[in-house]
Amino acid sequence: MEEHRERIVEAAARLLAGGGPDAVSTRAVSTAAGVQPPTIYRLFGDKQGLLDAVVVHGFTTYLADKQTVASADPVEELRAGWDQHVELGLANPALYTLMYSRLDKASPAALAAFGVLAERVRRIAEAGRLRIPEDRAMALVHAAGHGTTLTLIATPADRRDPELSTTAREAVVAAITTDAPATGAPGPVAAAVTLRAVLPETDVLTEPERGLMCEWLDRIANS
């Protein structure tokens, strides 16, 4: 049965790439996957359940690709992740649009992908190079990257500005990071962001003390 499920999801993903969500009919998927329509209903319930499974499949593939991006410089790692995100959307526009239109469902794969972004932002903070709070940085990167990708998808290939993604990426990087690891006196906001990032590594505070420290640091970081 698992073999059937995998074959059905892969067939639906191919149909989605070729014709969008409307092409993913039960009849078309069953023909492409070589199964009977009742098998699809038994495994996924309905078309929406099947599309949800395709979203999970798409995010899982996306996440596996993202995990291969590694760099000693956390800011360069963020840049590489941005580029990969945009490339995913341009290579798979129908899947990308469906994936992000259903983020309200908070699939495990979607949460894991966002977790990769959170880890990259955390690494920048730990290196003393994040100039704004982590949650704001993550929201900014996600919103700007998603908006840039959708804009490029909606623009005919021959009219796309090849520098749009790079310009947007560098604007975001400049907004959330410092040019080099903080030295000397980085200022209270940068110091609070850095300390907040590494606070989980200390074991000298009790849980109530750690919670109070986090509250104080968040207050400084958002000042």
Protein backbone atom coordinates (compact mmCIF):
# COMPACT_ATOMS: atom_id res chain seq x y z
CA MET A 1 0.00 0.00 0.00
CA GLU A 2 2.90 2.37 0.72
CA GLU A 3 4.21 1.70 -2.77
CA HIS A 4 0.81 2.72 -4.18
CA ARG A 5 0.80 5.88 -2.10
CA GLU A 6 4.24 6.93 -3.29
CA ARG A 7 3.39 6.22 -6.92
CA ILE A 8 0.14 8.19 -6.68
CA VAL A 9 1.80 11.22 -5.07
CA GLU A 10 4.57 11.28 -7.66
CA ALA A 11 2.04 10.98 -10.49
CA ALA A 12 -0.04 13.82 -9.01
CA ALA A 13 3.09 15.97 -8.67
CA ARG A 14 3.89 15.45 -12.36
CA LEU A 15 0.33 16.36 -13.38
CA LEU A 16 0.46 19.42 -11.14
CA ALA A 17 3.72 20.56 -12.75
CA GLY A 18 2.24 20.12 -16.21
CA GLY A 19 -1.22 21.59 -15.77
CA GLY A 20 -1.69 23.07 -12.31
CA PRO A 21 -4.16 21.93 -9.61
CA ASP A 22 -7.02 21.50 -12.11
CA ALA A 23 -5.02 18.79 -13.90
CA VAL A 24 -4.89 16.69 -10.72
CA SER A 25 -8.20 14.88 -11.16
CA THR A 26 -8.85 11.48 -9.64
CA ARG A 27 -9.22 9.93 -13.07
CA ALA A 28 -6.01 11.45 -14.43
CA VAL A 29 -3.99 10.50 -11.36
CA SER A 30 -5.31 6.94 -11.28
CA THR A 31 -4.39 6.51 -14.96
CA ALA A 32 -0.94 8.01 -14.53
CA ALA A 33 -0.22 5.97 -11.41
CA GLY A 34 -1.69 2.73 -12.74
CA VAL A 35 -4.19 2.27 -9.92
CA GLN A 36 -7.96 2.22 -9.59
CA PRO A 37 -9.75 5.41 -8.42
CA PRO A 38 -11.02 3.74 -5.21
CA THR A 39 -7.39 3.31 -4.16
CA ILE A 40 -6.92 7.07 -4.19
CA TYR A 41 -10.05 7.65 -2.11
CA ARG A 42 -8.99 4.95 0.33
CA LEU A 43 -5.52 6.47 0.81
CA PHE A 44 -6.27 10.22 0.63
CA GLY A 45 -10.01 10.65 1.15
CA ASP A 46 -10.54 13.17 -1.66
CA LYS A 47 -8.71 15.44 -4.10
CA GLN A 48 -7.84 17.93 -1.39
CA GLY A 49 -6.30 15.18 0.68
CA LEU A 50 -4.23 14.18 -2.33
CA LEU A 51 -3.11 17.78 -2.91
CA ASP A 52 -2.14 18.00 0.76
CA ALA A 53 0.03 14.92 0.29
CA VAL A 54 1.64 16.50 -2.77
CA VAL A 55 2.43 19.59 -0.64
CA VAL A 56 4.13 17.40 1.96
CA HIS A 57 6.04 15.61 -0.79
CA GLY A 58 7.12 18.93 -2.31
CA PHE A 59 8.26 20.36 1.00
CA THR A 60 10.11 17.16 1.89
CA THR A 61 12.02 17.31 -1.40
CA TYR A 62 12.66 21.02 -0.87
CA LEU A 63 13.90 20.44 2.67
CA ALA A 64 16.23 17.64 1.57
CA ASP A 65 17.76 19.99 -0.99
CA LYS A 66 18.08 22.82 1.53
CA GLN A 67 19.93 20.63 3.97
CA THR A 68 22.76 20.24 1.45
CA VAL A 69 23.58 23.96 1.62
CA ALA A 70 26.44 24.49 4.09
CA SER A 71 29.01 27.21 4.66
CA ALA A 72 31.41 28.25 7.38
CA ASP A 73 29.95 31.76 7.06
CA PRO A 74 26.33 31.81 8.34
CA VAL A 75 25.47 34.88 6.26
CA GLU A 76 26.70 33.17 3.08
CA GLU A 77 24.65 30.13 4.08
CA LEU A 78 21.56 32.35 4.29
CA ARG A 79 22.33 33.78 0.85
CA ALA A 80 22.65 30.28 -0.62
CA GLY A 81 19.36 29.25 0.99
CA TRP A 82 17.62 32.30 -0.51
CA ASP A 83 18.92 31.46 -3.99
CA GLN A 84 17.79 27.86 -3.62
CA HIS A 85 14.33 29.00 -2.51
CA VAL A 86 13.89 31.18 -5.61
CA GLU A 87 15.25 28.43 -7.87
CA LEU A 88 12.69 26.01 -6.44
CA GLY A 89 9.84 28.36 -7.29
CA LEU A 90 11.01 29.06 -10.82
CA ALA A 91 11.66 25.39 -11.55
CA ASN A 92 8.33 24.23 -10.06
CA PRO A 93 5.91 27.21 -10.17
CA ALA A 94 2.68 25.22 -9.80
CA LEU A 95 4.00 23.19 -6.88
CA TYR A 96 5.53 26.25 -5.23
CA THR A 97 2.29 28.22 -5.46
CA LEU A 98 0.29 25.30 -4.06
CA MET A 99 2.83 24.70 -1.30
CA TYR A 100 2.67 28.24 -0.04
CA SER A 101 -1.06 28.71 -0.54
CA ARG A 102 -1.59 25.94 2.01
CA LEU A 103 0.87 27.03 4.67
CA ASP A 104 -2.14 27.70 6.92
CA LYS A 105 -2.33 23.92 7.28
CA ALA A 106 1.09 23.95 8.94
CA SER A 107 2.17 20.59 7.57
CA PRO A 108 5.10 18.93 9.38
CA ALA A 109 7.27 19.37 6.30
CA ALA A 110 6.44 23.08 6.08
CA LEU A 111 7.29 23.56 9.73
CA ALA A 112 10.55 21.69 9.21
CA ALA A 113 11.47 23.91 6.25
CA PHE A 114 10.81 27.00 8.34
CA GLY A 115 12.91 25.38 11.05
CA VAL A 116 15.87 25.31 8.66
CA LEU A 117 15.47 29.06 8.17
CA ALA A 118 15.23 29.55 11.93
CA GLU A 119 18.46 27.60 12.43
CA ARG A 120 20.27 29.70 9.85
CA VAL A 121 19.14 32.92 11.47
CA ARG A 122 20.14 31.51 14.87
CA ARG A 123 23.65 30.81 13.57
CA ILE A 124 23.97 34.42 12.42
CA ALA A 125 22.85 35.58 15.86
CA GLU A 126 25.33 33.27 17.59
CA ALA A 127 28.11 34.73 15.45
CA GLY A 128 27.21 38.21 16.70
CA ARG A 129 26.11 39.39 13.26
CA LEU A 130 22.32 39.74 13.66
CA ARG A 131 21.20 43.34 14.16
CA ILE A 132 17.47 42.69 14.84
CA PRO A 133 15.57 40.06 16.89
CA GLU A 134 15.54 36.55 15.45
CA ASP A 135 11.78 36.29 14.98
CA ARG A 136 11.67 39.58 13.08
CA ALA A 137 14.63 38.52 10.92
CA MET A 138 12.98 35.20 10.08
CA ALA A 139 9.70 36.90 9.19
CA LEU A 140 11.48 39.42 6.98
CA VAL A 141 13.52 36.80 5.12
CA HIS A 142 10.46 34.61 4.58
CA ALA A 143 8.19 37.44 3.44
CA ALA A 144 10.76 38.98 1.11
CA GLY A 145 11.88 35.67 -0.35
CA HIS A 146 8.32 34.48 -0.90
CA GLY A 147 7.25 37.78 -2.45
CA THR A 148 10.27 37.90 -4.74
CA THR A 149 9.68 34.35 -5.92
CA LEU A 150 5.98 34.94 -6.63
CA THR A 151 6.81 38.14 -8.53
CA LEU A 152 9.30 36.29 -10.72
CA ILE A 153 6.85 33.43 -11.30
CA ALA A 154 4.18 35.91 -12.42
CA THR A 155 6.57 37.63 -14.84
CA PRO A 156 7.12 36.10 -18.31
CA ALA A 157 10.56 34.53 -18.47
CA ASP A 158 11.76 36.88 -21.19
CA ARG A 159 10.78 39.93 -19.12
CA ARG A 160 12.23 38.91 -15.76
CA ASP A 161 14.82 41.18 -14.22
CA PRO A 162 17.82 38.89 -13.63
CA GLU A 163 19.01 41.12 -10.79
CA LEU A 164 15.70 41.33 -8.90
CA SER A 165 16.34 38.38 -6.61
CA THR A 166 19.92 39.40 -5.86
CA THR A 167 18.89 42.99 -5.12
CA ALA A 168 16.09 41.87 -2.79
CA ARG A 169 18.37 39.35 -1.09
CA GLU A 170 21.10 41.87 -0.43
CA ALA A 171 18.58 44.42 0.88
CA VAL A 172 17.34 41.85 3.39
CA VAL A 173 20.86 40.77 4.35
CA ALA A 174 21.82 44.41 4.93
CA ALA A 175 18.70 44.96 7.03
CA ILE A 176 19.24 42.03 9.38
CA THR A 177 23.03 41.53 9.58
CA THR A 178 26.20 43.41 10.36
CA ASP A 179 29.10 43.49 7.91
CA ALA A 180 31.43 41.54 10.19
CA PRO A 181 31.34 39.80 13.55
CA ALA A 182 30.72 42.33 16.27
CA THR A 183 33.88 43.44 18.06
CA GLY A 184 34.48 45.91 20.84
CA ALA A 185 31.20 47.43 21.98
CA PRO A 186 28.44 46.24 19.59
CA GLY A 187 25.72 48.22 21.34
CA PRO A 188 22.92 46.94 23.58
CA VAL A 189 20.60 45.68 20.82
CA ALA A 190 23.21 43.57 19.01
CA ALA A 191 24.58 42.31 22.34
CA ALA A 192 21.08 41.34 23.50
CA VAL A 193 20.34 39.50 20.24
CA THR A 194 23.60 37.56 20.47
CA LEU A 195 23.18 36.67 24.14
CA ARG A 196 19.57 35.63 23.52
CA ALA A 197 20.74 33.23 20.80
CA VAL A 198 23.32 31.46 23.00
CA LEU A 199 21.34 31.54 26.25
CA PRO A 200 20.04 27.96 25.82
CA GLU A 201 23.64 26.75 25.99
CA THR A 202 24.08 27.85 29.62
CA ASP A 203 23.02 25.64 32.51
CA VAL A 204 23.77 27.98 35.41
CA LEU A 205 20.28 29.51 35.44
CA THR A 206 17.07 27.96 36.67
CA GLU A 207 14.11 27.79 34.29
CA PRO A 208 12.40 30.82 35.92
CA GLU A 209 15.68 32.75 35.78
CA ARG A 210 16.19 31.82 32.13
CA GLY A 211 12.64 32.88 31.32
CA LEU A 212 13.15 36.24 33.03
CA MET A 213 16.48 36.74 31.25
CA CYS A 214 14.83 35.98 27.89
CA GLU A 215 12.13 38.53 28.65
CA TRP A 216 14.71 41.21 29.49
CA LEU A 217 16.83 40.45 26.42
CA ASP A 218 13.79 40.48 24.13
CA ARG A 219 12.80 43.84 25.56
CA ILE A 220 16.26 45.27 24.83
CA ALA A 221 16.41 43.68 21.35
CA ASN A 222 13.05 45.22 20.42
CA SER A 223 13.86 48.66 21.81
